[in-house]
Protein backbone atom coordinates (compact mmCIF):
# COMPACT_ATOMS: atom_id res chain seq x y z
CA MET A 1 -33.18 -44.28 42.02
CA VAL A 2 -32.29 -40.95 43.55
CA LYS A 3 -30.26 -42.56 46.32
CA TYR A 4 -28.16 -44.42 43.69
CA LEU A 5 -27.48 -41.23 41.72
CA PRO A 6 -24.08 -40.53 43.38
CA LEU A 7 -22.94 -44.07 42.60
CA ILE A 8 -24.09 -43.75 39.00
CA LEU A 9 -22.20 -40.48 38.65
CA ILE A 10 -19.06 -42.05 40.12
CA VAL A 11 -19.24 -44.98 37.67
CA ALA A 12 -19.83 -42.58 34.75
CA ALA A 13 -16.87 -40.45 35.80
CA ILE A 14 -14.61 -43.50 36.02
CA TRP A 15 -15.77 -44.68 32.57
CA LEU A 16 -15.17 -41.24 31.09
CA ALA A 17 -11.71 -41.04 32.63
CA TRP A 18 -10.91 -44.48 31.22
CA GLN A 19 -11.99 -43.35 27.76
CA ILE A 20 -9.81 -40.26 28.05
CA ILE A 21 -6.84 -42.44 28.98
CA LEU A 22 -7.73 -45.06 26.38
CA SER A 23 -7.87 -42.68 23.41
CA PRO A 24 -4.16 -41.67 23.30
CA ILE A 25 -3.13 -45.27 24.02
CA ALA A 26 -5.18 -46.48 21.08
CA GLN A 27 -3.79 -43.75 18.82
CA ARG A 28 -0.12 -44.06 19.74
CA ALA A 29 0.40 -47.67 20.76
CA PRO A 30 1.59 -50.25 18.22
CA PRO A 31 -1.37 -51.61 16.23
CA ALA A 32 -1.17 -55.06 17.88
CA MET A 33 -1.44 -53.52 21.36
CA ALA A 34 -3.97 -50.86 20.34
CA ILE A 35 -6.41 -53.42 18.94
CA ARG A 36 -6.36 -55.27 22.27
CA VAL A 37 -7.11 -52.05 24.13
CA ALA A 38 -9.81 -50.80 21.74
CA PRO A 39 -10.90 -53.62 19.43
CA ALA A 40 -14.04 -51.81 18.34
CA SER A 41 -12.40 -48.52 17.40
CA PRO A 42 -12.59 -47.83 13.64
CA GLY A 43 -9.35 -45.84 13.86
CA VAL A 44 -7.52 -48.69 15.55
CA LEU A 45 -8.93 -51.20 13.09
CA GLY A 46 -7.74 -49.02 10.20
CA ARG A 47 -4.22 -48.82 11.64
CA ALA A 48 -4.18 -52.57 12.24
CA ALA A 49 -5.32 -53.21 8.66
CA GLU A 50 -2.51 -51.04 7.34
CA ALA A 51 0.02 -52.87 9.53
CA GLU A 52 -1.17 -56.25 8.30
CA VAL A 53 -0.74 -55.22 4.67
CA LEU A 54 2.76 -53.92 5.36
CA ALA A 55 3.56 -57.23 7.07
CA GLY A 56 2.55 -59.12 3.93
CA ARG A 57 -0.83 -60.34 5.17
CA PRO A 58 -3.25 -58.59 2.78
CA GLU A 59 -6.23 -60.84 3.59
CA ASN A 60 -5.99 -59.94 7.26
CA GLY A 61 -5.74 -56.31 6.18
CA ARG A 62 -8.85 -56.64 4.02
CA ARG A 63 -10.82 -58.17 6.89
CA LEU A 64 -9.77 -55.50 9.40
CA ALA A 65 -10.37 -52.69 6.90
CA GLY A 66 -13.83 -54.12 6.21
CA LEU A 67 -14.60 -54.14 9.95
CA ALA A 68 -13.44 -50.54 10.26
CA LEU A 69 -15.59 -49.43 7.33
CA SER A 70 -18.64 -51.26 8.72
CA LYS A 71 -18.35 -49.08 11.83
CA ALA A 72 -17.20 -45.87 10.10
CA PRO A 73 -17.87 -45.87 6.34
CA PHE A 74 -15.67 -42.80 5.80
CA ASN A 75 -12.62 -43.99 7.68
CA VAL A 76 -10.05 -42.80 5.13
CA ARG A 77 -7.20 -45.05 6.25
CA ALA A 78 -9.35 -48.17 6.07
CA MET A 79 -10.81 -47.03 2.76
CA ARG A 80 -7.35 -46.54 1.31
CA VAL A 81 -6.08 -49.92 2.61
CA PHE A 82 -9.11 -51.66 1.11
CA GLY A 83 -8.65 -49.83 -2.20
CA LEU A 84 -4.95 -50.66 -2.48
CA ILE A 85 -5.67 -54.33 -1.80
CA GLU A 86 -8.28 -54.26 -4.56
CA ALA A 87 -5.70 -52.71 -6.90
CA GLU A 88 -3.10 -55.32 -5.96
CA ASP A 89 -5.62 -58.05 -6.80
CA GLY A 90 -6.19 -56.52 -10.23
CA ARG A 91 -9.63 -55.02 -9.60
CA LEU A 92 -8.58 -51.58 -10.82
CA ASP A 93 -12.06 -50.17 -11.41
CA ALA A 94 -13.10 -50.95 -7.84
CA ALA A 95 -9.80 -49.63 -6.52
CA ASP A 96 -10.17 -46.44 -8.54
CA GLY A 97 -13.59 -45.72 -7.09
CA ILE A 98 -12.55 -46.45 -3.50
CA LEU A 99 -9.29 -44.49 -3.64
CA THR A 100 -10.93 -41.58 -5.43
CA LEU A 101 -13.38 -41.39 -2.55
CA ALA A 102 -10.53 -41.58 -0.04
CA GLY A 103 -8.56 -38.86 -1.83
CA ASN A 104 -11.56 -36.57 -2.13
CA TRP A 105 -12.48 -37.16 1.50
CA SER A 106 -9.00 -36.29 2.82
CA LEU A 107 -6.29 -34.15 1.27
CA ARG A 108 -3.88 -35.59 3.85
CA ASP A 109 -3.93 -39.20 2.71
CA ASP A 110 -0.75 -39.13 0.65
CA PRO A 111 -0.67 -42.82 -0.38
CA ALA A 112 -4.16 -42.53 -1.87
CA HIS A 113 -3.20 -39.45 -3.85
CA ALA A 114 0.08 -41.04 -4.99
CA TRP A 115 -1.80 -44.06 -6.35
CA LEU A 116 -4.36 -41.84 -8.03
CA VAL A 117 -1.59 -39.85 -9.75
CA GLN A 118 -0.22 -43.04 -11.32
CA GLN A 119 -3.65 -44.37 -12.23
CA ARG A 120 -4.77 -41.09 -13.85
CA LEU A 121 -1.54 -40.89 -15.84
CA ARG A 122 -2.14 -44.40 -17.14
CA GLN A 123 -5.64 -43.31 -18.13
CA GLY A 124 -4.34 -40.15 -19.83
CA ASN A 125 -6.41 -38.01 -17.47
CA TYR A 126 -3.82 -35.31 -16.93
CA VAL A 127 -6.15 -32.82 -15.26
CA SER A 128 -6.94 -35.25 -12.46
CA ALA A 129 -3.38 -36.63 -12.25
CA LEU A 130 -1.83 -33.19 -11.85
CA ALA A 131 -4.51 -32.13 -9.36
CA HIS A 132 -3.64 -35.07 -7.09
CA ALA A 133 0.07 -34.37 -7.59
CA ASP A 134 -0.61 -30.75 -6.58
CA THR A 135 -2.03 -32.04 -3.30
CA LEU A 136 1.19 -33.96 -2.65
CA ALA A 137 3.39 -30.97 -3.57
CA ARG A 138 1.50 -28.66 -1.21
CA ARG A 139 1.72 -31.06 1.74
CA GLN A 140 5.11 -32.70 1.33
CA VAL A 141 7.79 -30.13 0.56
CA GLU A 142 10.49 -32.82 0.74
CA HIS A 143 8.71 -34.72 -2.05
CA GLN A 144 8.40 -31.72 -4.36
CA PRO A 145 11.43 -32.67 -6.52
CA GLN A 146 9.78 -36.01 -7.42
CA VAL A 147 6.45 -34.30 -8.11
CA PHE A 148 8.20 -31.68 -10.25
CA ARG A 149 9.93 -34.37 -12.29
CA LEU A 150 6.53 -35.98 -12.83
CA PHE A 151 5.05 -32.68 -14.09
CA THR A 152 7.94 -32.18 -16.49
CA ALA A 153 8.10 -35.76 -17.77
CA ALA A 154 4.37 -35.77 -18.47
CA ALA A 155 4.45 -32.46 -20.33
CA LEU A 156 7.50 -33.43 -22.42
CA ALA A 157 6.15 -36.88 -23.24
CA ASP A 158 2.62 -35.83 -24.20
CA PRO A 159 1.62 -32.34 -25.41
CA ARG A 160 -1.86 -32.99 -23.95
CA ALA A 161 -0.36 -32.55 -20.48
CA VAL A 162 0.82 -28.98 -21.13
CA GLY A 163 -2.67 -27.45 -20.93
CA PRO A 164 -3.51 -29.00 -17.54
CA LEU A 165 -0.07 -27.98 -16.23
CA VAL A 166 -0.66 -24.40 -17.37
CA GLY A 167 -4.08 -24.49 -15.70
CA LEU A 168 -2.52 -25.69 -12.47
CA LEU A 169 0.20 -23.02 -12.52
CA SER A 170 -2.34 -20.31 -13.35
CA LYS A 171 -3.82 -20.86 -9.87
CA ASN A 172 -0.53 -19.70 -8.35
CA PRO A 173 0.15 -22.71 -6.11
CA PRO A 174 2.74 -22.04 -3.37
CA TRP A 175 5.28 -24.28 -5.09
CA ARG A 176 5.05 -22.54 -8.50
CA LEU A 177 8.33 -20.59 -8.40
CA ASN A 178 10.22 -23.62 -7.07
CA TYR A 179 8.90 -25.68 -9.96
CA ILE A 180 9.79 -23.09 -12.58
CA ARG A 181 13.29 -22.84 -11.11
CA SER A 182 13.66 -26.62 -11.29
CA LEU A 183 13.10 -26.55 -15.05
CA TYR A 184 16.38 -24.72 -15.65
CA LYS A 185 18.40 -27.65 -14.30
CA ALA A 186 18.11 -29.52 -17.62
CA PRO A 187 18.61 -27.88 -21.05
CA GLU A 188 16.05 -30.18 -22.67
CA ASN A 189 13.33 -28.41 -20.67
CA ALA A 190 13.72 -25.18 -22.67
CA PRO A 191 10.71 -25.86 -24.97
CA LEU A 192 8.51 -26.47 -21.93
CA ILE A 193 9.70 -23.24 -20.28
CA ALA A 194 8.80 -21.35 -23.46
CA ALA A 195 5.40 -23.04 -23.68
CA LEU A 196 4.59 -22.19 -20.06
CA ALA A 197 5.66 -18.55 -20.44
CA ILE A 198 3.62 -18.06 -23.63
CA ASN A 199 0.50 -19.90 -22.45
CA LEU A 200 0.44 -18.40 -18.96
CA GLU A 201 0.48 -14.94 -20.55
CA GLN A 202 -3.17 -15.54 -21.49
CA THR A 203 -4.18 -16.39 -17.90
CA PRO A 204 -4.74 -14.22 -14.80
CA ALA A 205 -1.29 -15.33 -13.56
CA PRO A 206 1.35 -14.71 -16.27
CA PHE A 207 5.06 -14.96 -15.47
CA ASP A 208 5.76 -12.35 -12.80
CA SER A 209 8.86 -10.16 -12.85
CA ALA A 210 10.97 -12.67 -10.89
CA GLU A 211 10.02 -15.58 -13.16
CA LEU A 212 10.51 -13.53 -16.32
CA GLN A 213 13.86 -12.19 -15.15
CA LEU A 214 14.97 -15.74 -14.35
CA LEU A 215 14.03 -16.82 -17.88
CA TYR A 216 15.70 -13.86 -19.60
CA ASN A 217 18.91 -13.93 -17.56
CA THR A 218 19.31 -17.70 -17.83
CA TRP A 219 18.78 -17.75 -21.56
CA VAL A 220 21.14 -14.81 -22.07
CA ARG A 221 23.78 -16.71 -20.11
CA GLU A 222 23.13 -19.92 -22.08
CA GLY A 223 23.07 -18.12 -25.43
CA ARG A 224 19.47 -19.11 -26.31
CA LEU A 225 19.06 -15.94 -28.33
CA ASP A 226 16.46 -17.15 -30.85
CA GLY A 227 14.27 -18.43 -28.04
CA LEU A 228 14.79 -15.21 -26.13
CA ALA A 229 13.71 -13.13 -29.12
CA LEU A 230 10.63 -15.32 -29.62
CA ILE A 231 9.56 -15.08 -25.98
CA ARG A 232 10.01 -11.32 -25.84
CA GLU A 233 8.09 -10.89 -29.08
CA ARG A 234 5.21 -13.10 -27.94
CA LEU A 235 4.97 -11.59 -24.46
CA GLY A 236 5.72 -8.00 -25.41
CA ARG A 237 7.52 -7.51 -22.11
CA PRO A 238 9.19 -5.14 -22.54
CA PRO A 239 7.75 -3.99 -25.88
CA LEU A 240 9.99 -4.32 -28.93
CA VAL A 241 9.61 -0.59 -29.61
CA PRO A 242 11.54 1.49 -28.68
CA LEU A 243 14.71 -0.45 -29.44
CA LEU A 244 16.34 0.84 -26.26
CA VAL A 245 14.31 0.46 -23.06
CA ASN A 246 13.97 3.46 -20.76
CA GLY A 247 16.30 5.76 -22.63
CA ALA A 248 14.92 8.64 -20.55
CA PHE A 249 16.24 6.98 -17.37
CA ALA A 250 12.93 7.13 -15.56
CA GLU A 251 12.10 4.99 -12.55
CA THR A 252 10.51 1.91 -14.12
CA THR A 253 9.82 -1.73 -13.30
CA GLU A 254 11.06 -3.16 -16.59
CA THR A 255 12.66 -6.59 -16.43
CA PRO A 256 16.45 -6.89 -16.76
CA PRO A 257 18.44 -7.55 -18.83
CA PHE A 258 16.05 -5.66 -21.16
CA ALA A 259 16.38 -2.68 -18.84
CA TRP A 260 19.23 -0.78 -17.25
CA ILE A 261 21.44 -2.87 -15.02
CA ILE A 262 23.25 -0.39 -12.80
CA GLY A 263 26.70 -1.25 -11.47
CA VAL A 264 27.18 -1.78 -7.75
CA GLY A 265 30.54 -2.16 -6.02
CA PRO A 266 33.50 -0.46 -4.37
CA GLY A 267 34.45 2.77 -6.09
CA VAL A 268 31.12 3.08 -7.93
CA GLN A 269 28.01 5.02 -6.98
CA ALA A 270 25.48 4.89 -9.78
CA GLY A 271 21.72 5.28 -10.00
CA ILE A 272 18.76 6.95 -11.64
CA THR A 273 18.04 10.21 -9.84
CA ALA A 274 16.65 13.71 -10.34
CA ASP A 275 18.72 16.04 -12.51
CA ASP A 276 20.45 18.72 -10.44
CA PHE A 277 19.55 21.41 -12.94
CA ASN A 278 16.02 20.22 -13.64
CA PRO A 279 14.60 18.25 -10.67
CA ARG A 280 11.44 17.41 -12.64
CA GLU A 281 13.57 15.25 -14.96
CA SER A 282 15.54 12.14 -14.05
CA ALA A 283 18.87 10.96 -15.42
CA LEU A 284 21.62 8.42 -14.83
CA ARG A 285 24.26 9.75 -12.44
CA VAL A 286 27.58 7.89 -12.16
CA GLN A 287 30.31 8.63 -9.65
CA TYR A 288 33.42 6.57 -10.31
CA ASP A 289 36.73 6.62 -8.47
CA GLY A 290 38.72 6.06 -11.68
CA PHE A 291 40.39 2.99 -10.25
CA ALA A 292 37.83 0.19 -9.74
CA SER A 293 36.95 -2.22 -12.54
CA THR A 294 33.22 -2.62 -11.73
CA GLY A 295 30.86 -2.24 -14.70
CA LEU A 296 28.92 1.02 -14.49
CA ALA A 297 25.71 0.37 -16.49
CA ARG A 298 24.50 -1.96 -19.24
CA GLN A 299 21.47 -3.10 -21.20
CA PHE A 300 20.85 -6.15 -23.41
CA LEU A 301 19.65 -5.47 -26.96
CA LEU A 302 18.05 -7.53 -29.72
CA LEU A 303 18.84 -5.54 -32.84
CA ARG A 304 18.46 -7.09 -36.27
CA PRO A 305 21.35 -6.78 -38.76
CA GLY A 306 21.66 -3.28 -40.17
CA ALA A 307 22.83 0.27 -39.49
CA TYR A 308 21.84 2.13 -36.32
CA THR A 309 22.48 5.38 -34.51
CA LEU A 310 22.68 5.80 -30.75
CA THR A 311 21.95 9.36 -29.63
CA GLY A 312 21.89 10.86 -26.18
CA ALA A 313 23.14 13.61 -23.92
CA ALA A 314 25.96 13.70 -21.38
CA ARG A 315 27.17 16.12 -18.74
CA ILE A 316 30.54 15.71 -17.05
CA GLU A 317 30.30 17.27 -13.61
CA THR A 318 33.86 16.54 -12.50
CA ALA A 319 36.47 14.84 -14.64
CA PRO A 320 40.14 13.86 -14.45
CA ASP A 321 42.69 14.74 -17.09
CA GLU A 322 41.98 11.52 -19.01
CA PRO A 323 38.58 9.96 -19.75
CA ARG A 324 37.80 7.21 -17.26
CA MET A 325 34.62 5.73 -18.77
CA ILE A 326 33.35 4.74 -22.22
CA TRP A 327 30.07 3.66 -23.83
CA THR A 328 30.37 0.63 -26.14
CA VAL A 329 28.05 -1.43 -28.31
CA SER A 330 29.24 -5.01 -28.81
CA CYS A 331 28.00 -8.41 -30.01
CA SER A 332 26.97 -10.63 -27.09
CA GLN A 333 28.16 -13.84 -28.78
CA THR A 334 31.66 -12.77 -29.75
CA GLY A 335 32.33 -9.61 -27.79
CA ALA A 336 33.18 -7.83 -31.05
CA GLU A 337 32.90 -4.08 -30.55
CA LEU A 338 30.57 -2.30 -33.00
CA GLY A 339 31.06 1.26 -31.81
CA ARG A 340 32.19 3.42 -28.92
CA TYR A 341 31.61 6.86 -27.43
CA VAL A 342 33.94 8.51 -24.89
CA PRO A 343 32.01 11.02 -22.73
CA SER A 344 33.65 14.43 -22.48
CA GLY A 345 32.50 17.94 -21.74
CA GLU A 346 34.02 21.31 -21.15
CA ASP A 347 31.16 22.94 -19.26
CA PRO A 348 29.85 20.97 -16.23
CA ALA A 349 26.70 23.07 -16.24
CA LYS A 350 25.62 22.10 -19.77
CA TRP A 351 24.36 18.94 -21.39
CA ALA A 352 26.22 17.94 -24.57
CA SER A 353 24.47 15.85 -27.23
CA PHE A 354 26.28 12.97 -28.84
CA SER A 355 25.69 10.53 -31.70
CA LEU A 356 27.21 7.10 -32.27
CA GLU A 357 26.73 5.20 -35.53
CA PHE A 358 27.26 1.45 -35.70
CA VAL A 359 26.37 -1.54 -37.86
CA VAL A 360 25.07 -4.89 -36.60
CA PRO A 361 26.51 -7.66 -38.80
CA ALA A 362 24.38 -10.48 -40.16
CA GLU A 363 26.57 -13.21 -38.67
CA ARG A 364 27.16 -14.10 -35.01
CA CYS A 365 25.57 -10.97 -33.62
CA ALA A 366 21.96 -11.91 -32.87
CA ALA A 367 22.07 -9.88 -29.65
CA GLN A 368 24.16 -7.02 -28.34
CA TRP A 369 25.23 -5.25 -25.15
CA LEU A 370 25.20 -1.49 -24.66
CA ARG A 371 27.64 -0.86 -21.82
CA LEU A 372 29.10 2.03 -19.85
CA GLU A 373 32.50 0.60 -18.96
CA PRO A 374 35.22 1.90 -16.65
CA ARG A 375 38.69 2.79 -17.89
CA PRO A 376 40.70 2.36 -14.69
CA GLY A 377 43.88 4.33 -14.16
CA ASP A 378 46.89 3.77 -11.92
CA ARG A 379 45.49 5.96 -9.18
CA ARG A 380 42.10 7.11 -7.95
CA SER A 381 40.71 10.17 -9.69
CA THR A 382 36.98 10.74 -9.19
CA VAL A 383 34.73 11.45 -12.13
CA VAL A 384 31.03 12.35 -11.90
CA ALA A 385 28.96 12.07 -15.09
CA TRP A 386 25.29 12.38 -16.03
CA PHE A 387 23.51 10.70 -18.98
CA ASP A 388 20.02 11.16 -20.42
CA ARG A 389 17.79 11.06 -23.52
CA PHE A 390 19.26 7.86 -24.98
CA GLN A 391 17.68 6.49 -28.15
CA ILE A 392 18.58 3.93 -30.79
CA THR A 393 17.14 4.36 -34.28
CA ARG A 394 17.45 2.30 -37.42
CA THR A 395 19.23 4.35 -40.10
CA ASP A 396 19.03 2.03 -43.13
CA PRO A 397 15.70 1.19 -44.78
CA ALA A 398 16.25 -2.55 -45.18
CA VAL A 399 15.00 -4.92 -42.53
CA THR A 400 16.68 -8.30 -42.51
CA PRO A 401 14.51 -11.10 -41.08
CA ARG A 402 15.93 -12.77 -38.03
């Protein structure tokens, strides 16, 4: 036996080398060739079964899939082929069990998960349907638009699907922001957007600042003011009181447009910074060349009809002969101006208090803009102004319901 040991080792080495060569051939060659090379391989049998089904020979596929499963009971491809054939033949219960096993065994078997999504939707099992759809969305970025449409259609067609969708989004899947963005492509999705924002607020993953800003800015642009007021009231972000957000011009993370939107552009340098005279306090500093038309600062308001007073303080550090900027309060729907204040000051070292009274009408003024607007001249003439301690207060006792 010992004298034959070298020969045995040589034969074993040749066999091992052949297996090494055989494996990639079996994996990459067309199924018809691969099954000739490795007829006993469960992987090859599974591929051949799939090819037979695609060629319109399901019985051949069933036989080959059965052979593959007899050798490797958890061969996912063969399991899926067998399950889909069962489904095609009308044996849905058997197919459901087989394909559920295939889907649970491999998150990469997209056809199994796709079938399970459809089957679970037919059953009304939205938790399972959306979970399998989540698997597809995570793996196939190019298929996300179809998956997103499925999420939306299910939630709009059946309120029972909203809860499972909220549960899925509360886990912060990597596709979450892309899905939320997709909802704004169709106006009929607005109720679903509102439902998601309100329901996710009670989970560990509420709308983050980017998602909330997208909602607020889009609905301001589209004029969905009642929905905007409802969402802000339900979320409390930012809180409804005070009426003006960050009137002290502190560094905050509040979400625009319910926060200061500072102008950026040629001829404008604006920002919240420390007060020159009191570095412990911050204020809005605006440097404007007196010529550009870029907006300087603004904030969106949701004031109910009634009388109000805007108070604040201003300091004009350098100023031209004529005022080159103005604060206005106007209706967002019509642009109708409700009041204005022109900053002025004789002493650049002193803050001057101001007060502006205005009335919000009951019609066509559900929301407003407070703006610091430029008043361009014919030539450049730099003005530097500071603003602080802004506050809006209700001055009449009546409160008109929205």
